[in-house]
Amino acid sequence: MKGKPLIAALALLIILALVLISIWRIANRTNDKEKETTMEVQTQRFQFQMIDQTLLAELSQKEKEIILNKGTERAFTGEYTDLAQEGTYYCKQCGSPLYTSQDKFHSSCGWPSFDDELPFAIERHTDADGSRTEIICATCKGHLGHVFLGEGLTDKDTRHCVNSLSLRFEKGSPVAKAVFAGGCFWGVEHLFEQVDGVHAAMSGYTGGHLENPTYQDVLTHKTGHLEAVEVLYDPRVVSYEELAKYFFEIHDPTQTNGQGPDIGNQYLSSVFYRSRHEFDTVVKLISILEEKGLKIATSLRPAAIFYPAEEYHQDYYALKGTQPYCHAWTKRF
């Protein structure tokens, strides 16, 4: 008889555990659904646009045949097939860094071969006939070549077979670009230059309609330009998401009319994205901040021509030996 109460108690505990597990699963599904809904709302609020044609290089007829029409250059004719110099391979059309020489290897296939790409640089799509996997630049969607798996040629067991005409080689570490506007560019530039992995930061003007604007032009509030900073960085050392998080933490993204005491349309908060990855990253971060109760005023705009500001605006605080007056780091993530 003593065993029956024990069995009953165990059964009750099991039932209780099952109820709690069910409640936990329902709560998780609800949270996931709320997050999905939030992302859907944000995606409707911010409309993605492909990189503008004005930011793309002019292509030769042969380059157009490869990059735009998905052609293939003849084997063993490309200038980069056997190149062994150390450096970085960039997209010929948009200039985004794609591969480094560290991931290049001799495959004897007749085209430049790489067993890895830089983070978020490449997209893979199955060819229309389903026989091969095409690789394209994630920023401009230009055709690069095809990727093959399972050949056993390297430890990573991957071969990106790329047309030389789709690439541009430069010596040195990868240099990716990101553009942020967060008020007076002096402070934004100064703080970004302190980040590990950032090669350099430059103050300038972007997002307006006047070609080659001057500081005096922008001060009229009629050119549509924002004071912005172009950040040049190594994507192997610091990610775009880390830079975007830092941007939201070094200025007030809730201010609608400028930044601190600097009021005017040239001081608005905005992110100028180049790719879908950058767009999605910023939308996600804005969602996180708004879930924490912040009303984010930052806009998302497709990248536009960036005009470097006058020389006396560059490295302003470093040369002056002081600290920014309206920018400081505040933890938000």
C-alpha atoms as a PDB file:
ATOM      1  CA  MET A   1       0.000   0.000   0.000  1.00  0.00           C
ATOM      2  CA  LYS A   2       2.907   2.350   0.688  1.00  0.00           C
ATOM      3  CA  GLY A   3       3.926   2.195  -2.956  1.00  0.00           C
ATOM      4  CA  LYS A   4       0.651   3.575  -4.283  1.00  0.00           C
ATOM      5  CA  PRO A   5       1.010   7.107  -2.792  1.00  0.00           C
ATOM      6  CA  LEU A   6       4.600   7.229  -4.100  1.00  0.00           C
ATOM      7  CA  ILE A   7       3.482   6.223  -7.585  1.00  0.00           C
ATOM      8  CA  ALA A   8       0.665   8.766  -7.448  1.00  0.00           C
ATOM      9  CA  ALA A   9       3.110  11.493  -6.365  1.00  0.00           C
ATOM     10  CA  LEU A  10       5.519  10.615  -9.191  1.00  0.00           C
ATOM     11  CA  ALA A  11       2.674  10.647 -11.705  1.00  0.00           C
ATOM     12  CA  LEU A  12       1.613  14.068 -10.431  1.00  0.00           C
ATOM     13  CA  LEU A  13       5.177  15.385 -10.791  1.00  0.00           C
ATOM     14  CA  ILE A  14       5.403  14.025 -14.324  1.00  0.00           C
ATOM     15  CA  ILE A  15       2.106  15.663 -15.266  1.00  0.00           C
ATOM     16  CA  LEU A  16       3.238  18.947 -13.698  1.00  0.00           C
ATOM     17  CA  ALA A  17       6.554  18.761 -15.608  1.00  0.00           C
ATOM     18  CA  LEU A  18       4.728  18.128 -18.877  1.00  0.00           C
ATOM     19  CA  VAL A  19       2.431  21.107 -18.220  1.00  0.00           C
ATOM     20  CA  LEU A  20       5.420  23.375 -17.500  1.00  0.00           C
ATOM     21  CA  ILE A  21       7.197  22.181 -20.661  1.00  0.00           C
ATOM     22  CA  SER A  22       4.059  22.916 -22.705  1.00  0.00           C
ATOM     23  CA  ILE A  23       3.784  26.404 -21.202  1.00  0.00           C
ATOM     24  CA  TRP A  24       7.488  27.045 -21.945  1.00  0.00           C
ATOM     25  CA  ARG A  25       7.097  25.903 -25.555  1.00  0.00           C
ATOM     26  CA  ILE A  26       4.019  28.080 -26.065  1.00  0.00           C
ATOM     27  CA  ALA A  27       5.826  31.084 -24.564  1.00  0.00           C
ATOM     28  CA  ASN A  28       8.818  30.511 -26.826  1.00  0.00           C
ATOM     29  CA  ARG A  29       6.617  30.182 -29.899  1.00  0.00           C
ATOM     30  CA  THR A  30       4.860  33.406 -28.901  1.00  0.00           C
ATOM     31  CA  ASN A  31       8.184  35.230 -28.473  1.00  0.00           C
ATOM     32  CA  ASP A  32       9.448  33.926 -31.806  1.00  0.00           C
ATOM     33  CA  LYS A  33       6.221  34.988 -33.484  1.00  0.00           C
ATOM     34  CA  GLU A  34       6.452  38.457 -31.905  1.00  0.00           C
ATOM     35  CA  LYS A  35      10.049  38.781 -33.138  1.00  0.00           C
ATOM     36  CA  GLU A  36       9.037  37.701 -36.634  1.00  0.00           C
ATOM     37  CA  THR A  37       6.169  40.218 -36.590  1.00  0.00           C
ATOM     38  CA  THR A  38       8.516  42.969 -35.387  1.00  0.00           C
ATOM     39  CA  MET A  39      10.968  42.202 -38.214  1.00  0.00           C
ATOM     40  CA  GLU A  40       8.114  42.199 -40.751  1.00  0.00           C
ATOM     41  CA  VAL A  41       6.943  45.615 -39.522  1.00  0.00           C
ATOM     42  CA  GLN A  42      10.496  46.969 -39.625  1.00  0.00           C
ATOM     43  CA  THR A  43      11.022  45.623 -43.136  1.00  0.00           C
ATOM     44  CA  GLN A  44       7.866  47.435 -44.243  1.00  0.00           C
ATOM     45  CA  ARG A  45       9.059  50.593 -42.493  1.00  0.00           C
ATOM     46  CA  PHE A  46      12.476  50.467 -44.151  1.00  0.00           C
ATOM     47  CA  GLN A  47      12.453  49.624 -47.849  1.00  0.00           C
ATOM     48  CA  PHE A  48      15.586  47.956 -49.213  1.00  0.00           C
ATOM     49  CA  GLN A  49      17.104  49.263 -52.441  1.00  0.00           C
ATOM     50  CA  MET A  50      19.932  47.740 -54.454  1.00  0.00           C
ATOM     51  CA  ILE A  51      23.244  49.578 -54.680  1.00  0.00           C
ATOM     52  CA  ASP A  52      22.909  52.578 -56.995  1.00  0.00           C
ATOM     53  CA  GLN A  53      24.353  52.453 -60.509  1.00  0.00           C
ATOM     54  CA  THR A  54      26.353  55.619 -59.823  1.00  0.00           C
ATOM     55  CA  LEU A  55      28.513  53.618 -57.393  1.00  0.00           C
ATOM     56  CA  LEU A  56      29.374  50.929 -59.931  1.00  0.00           C
ATOM     57  CA  ALA A  57      32.436  50.925 -62.179  1.00  0.00           C
ATOM     58  CA  GLU A  58      32.055  51.250 -65.934  1.00  0.00           C
ATOM     59  CA  LEU A  59      32.613  47.830 -67.487  1.00  0.00           C
ATOM     60  CA  SER A  60      34.243  46.853 -70.752  1.00  0.00           C
ATOM     61  CA  GLN A  61      32.271  44.744 -73.211  1.00  0.00           C
ATOM     62  CA  LYS A  62      34.142  41.596 -72.137  1.00  0.00           C
ATOM     63  CA  GLU A  63      33.492  42.370 -68.447  1.00  0.00           C
ATOM     64  CA  LYS A  64      29.792  42.919 -69.161  1.00  0.00           C
ATOM     65  CA  GLU A  65      29.611  39.537 -70.862  1.00  0.00           C
ATOM     66  CA  ILE A  66      30.978  37.866 -67.729  1.00  0.00           C
ATOM     67  CA  ILE A  67      29.551  39.976 -64.875  1.00  0.00           C
ATOM     68  CA  LEU A  68      26.143  40.916 -66.271  1.00  0.00           C
ATOM     69  CA  ASN A  69      25.440  38.101 -68.731  1.00  0.00           C
ATOM     70  CA  LYS A  70      26.956  35.260 -66.666  1.00  0.00           C
ATOM     71  CA  GLY A  71      29.548  34.318 -69.244  1.00  0.00           C
ATOM     72  CA  THR A  72      32.800  32.406 -68.709  1.00  0.00           C
ATOM     73  CA  GLU A  73      36.256  33.441 -69.859  1.00  0.00           C
ATOM     74  CA  ARG A  74      38.419  30.840 -71.558  1.00  0.00           C
ATOM     75  CA  ALA A  75      40.474  28.651 -69.229  1.00  0.00           C
ATOM     76  CA  PHE A  76      44.075  29.689 -68.531  1.00  0.00           C
ATOM     77  CA  THR A  77      43.565  33.154 -70.077  1.00  0.00           C
ATOM     78  CA  GLY A  78      42.722  35.205 -66.968  1.00  0.00           C
ATOM     79  CA  GLU A  79      45.355  37.507 -65.470  1.00  0.00           C
ATOM     80  CA  TYR A  80      44.776  36.217 -61.913  1.00  0.00           C
ATOM     81  CA  THR A  81      44.790  32.464 -62.575  1.00  0.00           C
ATOM     82  CA  ASP A  82      48.383  31.982 -61.434  1.00  0.00           C
ATOM     83  CA  LEU A  83      48.872  35.214 -59.449  1.00  0.00           C
ATOM     84  CA  ALA A  84      50.620  34.431 -56.153  1.00  0.00           C
ATOM     85  CA  GLN A  85      51.022  37.923 -54.658  1.00  0.00           C
ATOM     86  CA  GLU A  86      49.626  38.672 -51.217  1.00  0.00           C
ATOM     87  CA  GLY A  87      46.594  40.906 -51.240  1.00  0.00           C
ATOM     88  CA  THR A  88      42.852  41.142 -51.692  1.00  0.00           C
ATOM     89  CA  TYR A  89      40.511  40.420 -54.598  1.00  0.00           C
ATOM     90  CA  TYR A  90      37.656  42.912 -55.005  1.00  0.00           C
ATOM     91  CA  CYS A  91      34.493  42.847 -57.111  1.00  0.00           C
ATOM     92  CA  LYS A  92      35.289  44.529 -60.431  1.00  0.00           C
ATOM     93  CA  GLN A  93      31.851  46.152 -60.555  1.00  0.00           C
ATOM     94  CA  CYS A  94      31.199  47.497 -57.028  1.00  0.00           C
ATOM     95  CA  GLY A  95      34.609  47.298 -55.347  1.00  0.00           C
ATOM     96  CA  SER A  96      33.517  45.137 -52.419  1.00  0.00           C
ATOM     97  CA  PRO A  97      36.251  42.851 -51.024  1.00  0.00           C
ATOM     98  CA  LEU A  98      35.524  39.213 -51.845  1.00  0.00           C
ATOM     99  CA  TYR A  99      38.605  37.012 -51.323  1.00  0.00           C
ATOM    100  CA  THR A 100      42.118  37.200 -49.908  1.00  0.00           C
ATOM    101  CA  SER A 101      45.282  35.607 -51.247  1.00  0.00           C
ATOM    102  CA  GLN A 102      45.419  33.462 -48.086  1.00  0.00           C
ATOM    103  CA  ASP A 103      42.442  31.483 -49.421  1.00  0.00           C
ATOM    104  CA  LYS A 104      43.717  31.216 -53.007  1.00  0.00           C
ATOM    105  CA  PHE A 105      45.199  27.930 -54.227  1.00  0.00           C
ATOM    106  CA  HIS A 106      46.385  26.332 -57.464  1.00  0.00           C
ATOM    107  CA  SER A 107      43.732  23.900 -58.647  1.00  0.00           C
ATOM    108  CA  SER A 108      44.970  23.488 -62.243  1.00  0.00           C
ATOM    109  CA  CYS A 109      41.418  24.146 -63.419  1.00  0.00           C
ATOM    110  CA  GLY A 110      42.349  27.206 -65.507  1.00  0.00           C
ATOM    111  CA  TRP A 111      40.648  29.857 -63.379  1.00  0.00           C
ATOM    112  CA  PRO A 112      41.489  31.574 -60.063  1.00  0.00           C
ATOM    113  CA  SER A 113      40.478  29.249 -57.223  1.00  0.00           C
ATOM    114  CA  PHE A 114      39.659  30.059 -53.591  1.00  0.00           C
ATOM    115  CA  ASP A 115      38.518  27.737 -50.799  1.00  0.00           C
ATOM    116  CA  ASP A 116      36.863  30.465 -48.725  1.00  0.00           C
ATOM    117  CA  GLU A 117      35.371  33.952 -49.055  1.00  0.00           C
ATOM    118  CA  LEU A 118      35.262  37.016 -46.824  1.00  0.00           C
ATOM    119  CA  PRO A 119      32.259  37.224 -44.432  1.00  0.00           C
ATOM    120  CA  PHE A 120      28.937  37.947 -46.198  1.00  0.00           C
ATOM    121  CA  ALA A 121      30.752  38.729 -49.473  1.00  0.00           C
ATOM    122  CA  ILE A 122      29.279  35.978 -51.655  1.00  0.00           C
ATOM    123  CA  GLU A 123      25.832  34.600 -52.457  1.00  0.00           C
ATOM    124  CA  ARG A 124      25.227  31.103 -53.824  1.00  0.00           C
ATOM    125  CA  HIS A 125      22.411  30.247 -56.216  1.00  0.00           C
ATOM    126  CA  THR A 126      21.605  27.056 -58.086  1.00  0.00           C
ATOM    127  CA  ASP A 127      21.858  27.428 -61.863  1.00  0.00           C
ATOM    128  CA  ALA A 128      18.610  27.318 -63.825  1.00  0.00           C
ATOM    129  CA  ASP A 129      19.344  23.775 -64.996  1.00  0.00           C
ATOM    130  CA  GLY A 130      20.150  22.674 -61.444  1.00  0.00           C
ATOM    131  CA  SER A 131      23.555  21.298 -62.403  1.00  0.00           C
ATOM    132  CA  ARG A 132      25.893  23.802 -60.717  1.00  0.00           C
ATOM    133  CA  THR A 133      25.955  26.440 -57.986  1.00  0.00           C
ATOM    134  CA  GLU A 134      26.580  29.982 -59.172  1.00  0.00           C
ATOM    135  CA  ILE A 135      28.418  32.498 -56.981  1.00  0.00           C
ATOM    136  CA  ILE A 136      27.667  36.214 -57.189  1.00  0.00           C
ATOM    137  CA  CYS A 137      28.814  39.337 -55.376  1.00  0.00           C
ATOM    138  CA  ALA A 138      26.465  39.870 -52.421  1.00  0.00           C
ATOM    139  CA  THR A 139      26.574  43.650 -52.899  1.00  0.00           C
ATOM    140  CA  CYS A 140      25.938  44.202 -56.615  1.00  0.00           C
ATOM    141  CA  LYS A 141      24.855  40.665 -57.685  1.00  0.00           C
ATOM    142  CA  GLY A 142      27.569  40.560 -60.346  1.00  0.00           C
ATOM    143  CA  HIS A 143      28.412  37.069 -61.662  1.00  0.00           C
ATOM    144  CA  LEU A 144      31.713  35.654 -60.382  1.00  0.00           C
ATOM    145  CA  GLY A 145      31.719  31.970 -61.368  1.00  0.00           C
ATOM    146  CA  HIS A 146      30.729  28.724 -59.656  1.00  0.00           C
ATOM    147  CA  VAL A 147      31.500  26.909 -56.421  1.00  0.00           C
ATOM    148  CA  PHE A 148      32.275  23.193 -56.167  1.00  0.00           C
ATOM    149  CA  LEU A 149      32.297  21.013 -53.054  1.00  0.00           C
ATOM    150  CA  GLY A 150      33.693  17.589 -52.251  1.00  0.00           C
ATOM    151  CA  GLU A 151      36.707  17.634 -54.552  1.00  0.00           C
ATOM    152  CA  GLY A 152      39.193  17.154 -51.715  1.00  0.00           C
ATOM    153  CA  LEU A 153      41.596  19.773 -53.068  1.00  0.00           C
ATOM    154  CA  THR A 154      41.984  21.616 -49.727  1.00  0.00           C
ATOM    155  CA  ASP A 155      41.089  21.007 -46.095  1.00  0.00           C
ATOM    156  CA  LYS A 156      37.975  23.141 -46.564  1.00  0.00           C
ATOM    157  CA  ASP A 157      36.922  20.902 -49.469  1.00  0.00           C
ATOM    158  CA  THR A 158      35.620  23.933 -51.378  1.00  0.00           C
ATOM    159  CA  ARG A 159      36.615  25.517 -54.675  1.00  0.00           C
ATOM    160  CA  HIS A 160      35.338  28.911 -55.772  1.00  0.00           C
ATOM    161  CA  CYS A 161      36.077  28.923 -59.506  1.00  0.00           C
ATOM    162  CA  VAL A 162      36.119  32.644 -60.382  1.00  0.00           C
ATOM    163  CA  ASN A 163      36.540  34.584 -63.610  1.00  0.00           C
ATOM    164  CA  SER A 164      39.515  36.959 -63.502  1.00  0.00           C
ATOM    165  CA  LEU A 165      37.409  39.564 -65.331  1.00  0.00           C
ATOM    166  CA  SER A 166      35.030  39.650 -62.345  1.00  0.00           C
ATOM    167  CA  LEU A 167      37.875  40.630 -60.008  1.00  0.00           C
ATOM    168  CA  ARG A 168      40.268  43.466 -59.225  1.00  0.00           C
ATOM    169  CA  PHE A 169      43.388  42.682 -57.219  1.00  0.00           C
ATOM    170  CA  GLU A 170      45.059  45.061 -54.773  1.00  0.00           C
ATOM    171  CA  LYS A 171      47.948  44.491 -52.420  1.00  0.00           C
ATOM    172  CA  GLY A 172      47.244  44.719 -48.700  1.00  0.00           C
ATOM    173  CA  SER A 173      44.555  43.675 -46.237  1.00  0.00           C
ATOM    174  CA  PRO A 174      40.852  43.748 -47.210  1.00  0.00           C
ATOM    175  CA  VAL A 175      39.272  47.201 -47.118  1.00  0.00           C
ATOM    176  CA  ALA A 176      35.491  47.240 -46.770  1.00  0.00           C
ATOM    177  CA  LYS A 177      33.431  50.443 -46.583  1.00  0.00           C
ATOM    178  CA  ALA A 178      30.644  51.496 -44.227  1.00  0.00           C
ATOM    179  CA  VAL A 179      29.017  54.933 -44.062  1.00  0.00           C
ATOM    180  CA  PHE A 180      27.319  56.347 -40.955  1.00  0.00           C
ATOM    181  CA  ALA A 181      25.824  59.776 -40.218  1.00  0.00           C
ATOM    182  CA  GLY A 182      25.387  60.688 -36.564  1.00  0.00           C
ATOM    183  CA  GLY A 183      25.631  64.442 -36.214  1.00  0.00           C
ATOM    184  CA  CYS A 184      28.830  66.469 -36.488  1.00  0.00           C
ATOM    185  CA  PHE A 185      31.287  64.256 -38.365  1.00  0.00           C
ATOM    186  CA  TRP A 186      34.254  65.329 -36.214  1.00  0.00           C
ATOM    187  CA  GLY A 187      33.154  63.213 -33.241  1.00  0.00           C
ATOM    188  CA  VAL A 188      31.901  60.229 -35.237  1.00  0.00           C
ATOM    189  CA  GLU A 189      35.164  60.049 -37.196  1.00  0.00           C
ATOM    190  CA  HIS A 190      37.283  60.410 -34.051  1.00  0.00           C
ATOM    191  CA  LEU A 191      35.535  57.574 -32.201  1.00  0.00           C
ATOM    192  CA  PHE A 192      35.463  55.163 -35.137  1.00  0.00           C
ATOM    193  CA  GLU A 193      39.195  55.582 -35.606  1.00  0.00           C
ATOM    194  CA  GLN A 194      39.686  54.076 -32.136  1.00  0.00           C
ATOM    195  CA  VAL A 195      38.075  50.749 -33.147  1.00  0.00           C
ATOM    196  CA  ASP A 196      40.330  47.739 -33.661  1.00  0.00           C
ATOM    197  CA  GLY A 197      40.097  46.607 -37.281  1.00  0.00           C
ATOM    198  CA  VAL A 198      39.313  50.066 -38.667  1.00  0.00           C
ATOM    199  CA  HIS A 199      41.938  51.166 -41.190  1.00  0.00           C
ATOM    200  CA  ALA A 200      40.737  54.775 -41.321  1.00  0.00           C
ATOM    201  CA  ALA A 201      37.681  57.009 -41.038  1.00  0.00           C
ATOM    202  CA  MET A 202      36.972  60.046 -43.195  1.00  0.00           C
ATOM    203  CA  SER A 203      34.576  62.955 -42.718  1.00  0.00           C
ATOM    204  CA  GLY A 204      32.424  63.895 -45.690  1.00  0.00           C
ATOM    205  CA  TYR A 205      29.040  64.606 -47.207  1.00  0.00           C
ATOM    206  CA  THR A 206      26.541  62.167 -48.720  1.00  0.00           C
ATOM    207  CA  GLY A 207      22.870  61.681 -49.544  1.00  0.00           C
ATOM    208  CA  GLY A 208      22.269  65.014 -51.285  1.00  0.00           C
ATOM    209  CA  HIS A 209      21.692  66.212 -54.835  1.00  0.00           C
ATOM    210  CA  LEU A 210      24.517  68.715 -55.369  1.00  0.00           C
ATOM    211  CA  GLU A 211      27.745  67.444 -56.920  1.00  0.00           C
ATOM    212  CA  ASN A 212      30.985  68.171 -55.053  1.00  0.00           C
ATOM    213  CA  PRO A 213      29.374  70.123 -52.200  1.00  0.00           C
ATOM    214  CA  THR A 214      31.449  72.337 -49.922  1.00  0.00           C
ATOM    215  CA  TYR A 215      30.930  72.855 -46.205  1.00  0.00           C
ATOM    216  CA  GLN A 216      29.353  76.226 -46.946  1.00  0.00           C
ATOM    217  CA  ASP A 217      26.950  74.605 -49.430  1.00  0.00           C
ATOM    218  CA  VAL A 218      25.817  72.047 -46.856  1.00  0.00           C
ATOM    219  CA  LEU A 219      25.319  74.760 -44.224  1.00  0.00           C
ATOM    220  CA  THR A 220      22.571  76.287 -46.383  1.00  0.00           C
ATOM    221  CA  HIS A 221      20.394  73.213 -45.593  1.00  0.00           C
ATOM    222  CA  LYS A 222      19.434  73.122 -49.300  1.00  0.00           C
ATOM    223  CA  THR A 223      21.720  70.422 -50.694  1.00  0.00           C
ATOM    224  CA  GLY A 224      20.179  67.473 -48.850  1.00  0.00           C
ATOM    225  CA  HIS A 225      23.585  66.197 -47.739  1.00  0.00           C
ATOM    226  CA  LEU A 226      24.307  64.794 -44.294  1.00  0.00           C
ATOM    227  CA  GLU A 227      27.592  65.119 -42.495  1.00  0.00           C
ATOM    228  CA  ALA A 228      28.768  61.504 -42.556  1.00  0.00           C
ATOM    229  CA  VAL A 229      31.797  59.328 -41.976  1.00  0.00           C
ATOM    230  CA  GLU A 230      33.171  56.685 -44.319  1.00  0.00           C
ATOM    231  CA  VAL A 231      34.703  53.876 -42.279  1.00  0.00           C
ATOM    232  CA  LEU A 232      37.316  51.701 -43.978  1.00  0.00           C
ATOM    233  CA  TYR A 233      37.723  48.411 -42.124  1.00  0.00           C
ATOM    234  CA  ASP A 234      39.027  44.855 -42.284  1.00  0.00           C
ATOM    235  CA  PRO A 235      35.965  42.526 -42.192  1.00  0.00           C
ATOM    236  CA  ARG A 236      38.172  39.723 -40.830  1.00  0.00           C
ATOM    237  CA  VAL A 237      38.904  41.766 -37.697  1.00  0.00           C
ATOM    238  CA  VAL A 238      35.680  43.682 -37.062  1.00  0.00           C
ATOM    239  CA  SER A 239      32.261  42.851 -38.489  1.00  0.00           C
ATOM    240  CA  TYR A 240      29.754  45.252 -39.986  1.00  0.00           C
ATOM    241  CA  GLU A 241      27.353  44.389 -37.164  1.00  0.00           C
ATOM    242  CA  GLU A 242      29.953  45.370 -34.552  1.00  0.00           C
ATOM    243  CA  LEU A 243      30.497  48.698 -36.317  1.00  0.00           C
ATOM    244  CA  ALA A 244      26.748  49.329 -36.554  1.00  0.00           C
ATOM    245  CA  LYS A 245      26.271  48.541 -32.863  1.00  0.00           C
ATOM    246  CA  TYR A 246      29.082  50.943 -32.022  1.00  0.00           C
ATOM    247  CA  PHE A 247      27.455  53.631 -34.179  1.00  0.00           C
ATOM    248  CA  PHE A 248      24.226  53.353 -32.189  1.00  0.00           C
ATOM    249  CA  GLU A 249      26.235  53.651 -28.971  1.00  0.00           C
ATOM    250  CA  ILE A 250      28.312  56.757 -29.802  1.00  0.00           C
ATOM    251  CA  HIS A 251      25.433  59.096 -30.640  1.00  0.00           C
ATOM    252  CA  ASP A 252      21.800  59.597 -29.651  1.00  0.00           C
ATOM    253  CA  PRO A 253      19.759  57.660 -32.242  1.00  0.00           C
ATOM    254  CA  THR A 254      16.497  58.972 -30.763  1.00  0.00           C
ATOM    255  CA  GLN A 255      17.113  62.653 -31.549  1.00  0.00           C
ATOM    256  CA  THR A 256      15.024  63.743 -34.528  1.00  0.00           C
ATOM    257  CA  ASN A 257      16.386  67.195 -35.333  1.00  0.00           C
ATOM    258  CA  GLY A 258      20.150  66.804 -35.186  1.00  0.00           C
ATOM    259  CA  GLN A 259      22.636  65.694 -32.591  1.00  0.00           C
ATOM    260  CA  GLY A 260      23.114  67.402 -29.251  1.00  0.00           C
ATOM    261  CA  PRO A 261      23.347  71.152 -29.782  1.00  0.00           C
ATOM    262  CA  ASP A 262      23.902  70.731 -33.539  1.00  0.00           C
ATOM    263  CA  ILE A 263      20.462  71.229 -35.089  1.00  0.00           C
ATOM    264  CA  GLY A 264      19.657  70.928 -38.781  1.00  0.00           C
ATOM    265  CA  ASN A 265      19.035  68.430 -41.565  1.00  0.00           C
ATOM    266  CA  GLN A 266      22.756  67.893 -42.157  1.00  0.00           C
ATOM    267  CA  TYR A 267      23.097  66.469 -38.621  1.00  0.00           C
ATOM    268  CA  LEU A 268      20.399  63.774 -38.833  1.00  0.00           C
ATOM    269  CA  SER A 269      21.068  60.170 -37.833  1.00  0.00           C
ATOM    270  CA  SER A 270      21.254  57.772 -40.766  1.00  0.00           C
ATOM    271  CA  VAL A 271      22.936  54.595 -41.997  1.00  0.00           C
ATOM    272  CA  PHE A 272      23.898  54.388 -45.673  1.00  0.00           C
ATOM    273  CA  TYR A 273      23.891  50.674 -46.527  1.00  0.00           C
ATOM    274  CA  ARG A 274      25.526  49.010 -49.542  1.00  0.00           C
ATOM    275  CA  SER A 275      24.130  45.487 -49.356  1.00  0.00           C
ATOM    276  CA  ARG A 276      21.174  43.452 -48.151  1.00  0.00           C
ATOM    277  CA  HIS A 277      23.302  42.126 -45.301  1.00  0.00           C
ATOM    278  CA  GLU A 278      24.014  45.644 -44.071  1.00  0.00           C
ATOM    279  CA  PHE A 279      20.354  46.614 -44.414  1.00  0.00           C
ATOM    280  CA  ASP A 280      19.117  43.540 -42.524  1.00  0.00           C
ATOM    281  CA  THR A 281      21.744  44.033 -39.816  1.00  0.00           C
ATOM    282  CA  VAL A 282      20.670  47.608 -39.090  1.00  0.00           C
ATOM    283  CA  VAL A 283      16.963  46.727 -39.180  1.00  0.00           C
ATOM    284  CA  LYS A 284      17.656  43.991 -36.613  1.00  0.00           C
ATOM    285  CA  LEU A 285      19.595  46.353 -34.346  1.00  0.00           C
ATOM    286  CA  ILE A 286      16.873  49.008 -34.510  1.00  0.00           C
ATOM    287  CA  SER A 287      14.325  46.336 -33.548  1.00  0.00           C
ATOM    288  CA  ILE A 288      16.434  45.339 -30.551  1.00  0.00           C
ATOM    289  CA  LEU A 289      16.767  48.943 -29.377  1.00  0.00           C
ATOM    290  CA  GLU A 290      13.062  49.648 -29.802  1.00  0.00           C
ATOM    291  CA  GLU A 291      12.202  46.497 -27.860  1.00  0.00           C
ATOM    292  CA  LYS A 292      14.256  48.065 -25.060  1.00  0.00           C
ATOM    293  CA  GLY A 293      12.022  51.137 -25.156  1.00  0.00           C
ATOM    294  CA  LEU A 294      14.059  53.493 -27.355  1.00  0.00           C
ATOM    295  CA  LYS A 295      12.251  55.353 -30.134  1.00  0.00           C
ATOM    296  CA  ILE A 296      14.841  55.243 -32.902  1.00  0.00           C
ATOM    297  CA  ALA A 297      14.949  58.179 -35.309  1.00  0.00           C
ATOM    298  CA  THR A 298      17.784  56.766 -37.417  1.00  0.00           C
ATOM    299  CA  SER A 299      16.897  56.373 -41.090  1.00  0.00           C
ATOM    300  CA  LEU A 300      18.213  53.778 -43.524  1.00  0.00           C
ATOM    301  CA  ARG A 301      19.283  55.011 -46.935  1.00  0.00           C
ATOM    302  CA  PRO A 302      20.958  53.288 -49.867  1.00  0.00           C
ATOM    303  CA  ALA A 303      24.594  54.282 -50.222  1.00  0.00           C
ATOM    304  CA  ALA A 304      25.172  57.373 -52.327  1.00  0.00           C
ATOM    305  CA  ILE A 305      28.271  59.126 -53.622  1.00  0.00           C
ATOM    306  CA  PHE A 306      30.462  60.079 -50.673  1.00  0.00           C
ATOM    307  CA  TYR A 307      32.273  63.400 -51.014  1.00  0.00           C
ATOM    308  CA  PRO A 308      35.274  63.828 -48.660  1.00  0.00           C
ATOM    309  CA  ALA A 309      35.059  66.998 -46.591  1.00  0.00           C
ATOM    310  CA  GLU A 310      37.680  69.723 -46.718  1.00  0.00           C
ATOM    311  CA  GLU A 311      41.109  68.877 -45.281  1.00  0.00           C
ATOM    312  CA  TYR A 312      40.614  71.001 -42.156  1.00  0.00           C
ATOM    313  CA  HIS A 313      37.676  68.756 -41.165  1.00  0.00           C
ATOM    314  CA  GLN A 314      39.776  65.566 -41.199  1.00  0.00           C
ATOM    315  CA  ASP A 315      41.173  64.239 -37.872  1.00  0.00           C
ATOM    316  CA  TYR A 316      39.820  67.384 -36.229  1.00  0.00           C
ATOM    317  CA  TYR A 317      39.982  66.251 -32.604  1.00  0.00           C
ATOM    318  CA  ALA A 318      43.293  64.436 -32.999  1.00  0.00           C
ATOM    319  CA  LEU A 319      44.898  67.613 -34.341  1.00  0.00           C
ATOM    320  CA  LYS A 320      43.172  69.819 -31.770  1.00  0.00           C
ATOM    321  CA  GLY A 321      44.064  67.493 -28.899  1.00  0.00           C
ATOM    322  CA  THR A 322      40.565  67.511 -27.369  1.00  0.00           C
ATOM    323  CA  GLN A 323      37.600  65.145 -27.090  1.00  0.00           C
ATOM    324  CA  PRO A 324      34.211  65.291 -28.892  1.00  0.00           C
ATOM    325  CA  TYR A 325      31.698  67.638 -27.274  1.00  0.00           C
ATOM    326  CA  CYS A 326      28.514  65.831 -28.331  1.00  0.00           C
ATOM    327  CA  HIS A 327      29.625  62.222 -28.855  1.00  0.00           C
ATOM    328  CA  ALA A 328      30.439  59.642 -26.194  1.00  0.00           C
ATOM    329  CA  TRP A 329      30.036  55.904 -25.845  1.00  0.00           C
ATOM    330  CA  THR A 330      26.930  54.610 -24.058  1.00  0.00           C
ATOM    331  CA  LYS A 331      26.296  50.866 -23.782  1.00  0.00           C
ATOM    332  CA  ARG A 332      23.011  49.952 -25.472  1.00  0.00           C
ATOM    333  CA  PHE A 333      23.492  46.307 -26.481  1.00  0.00           C
END
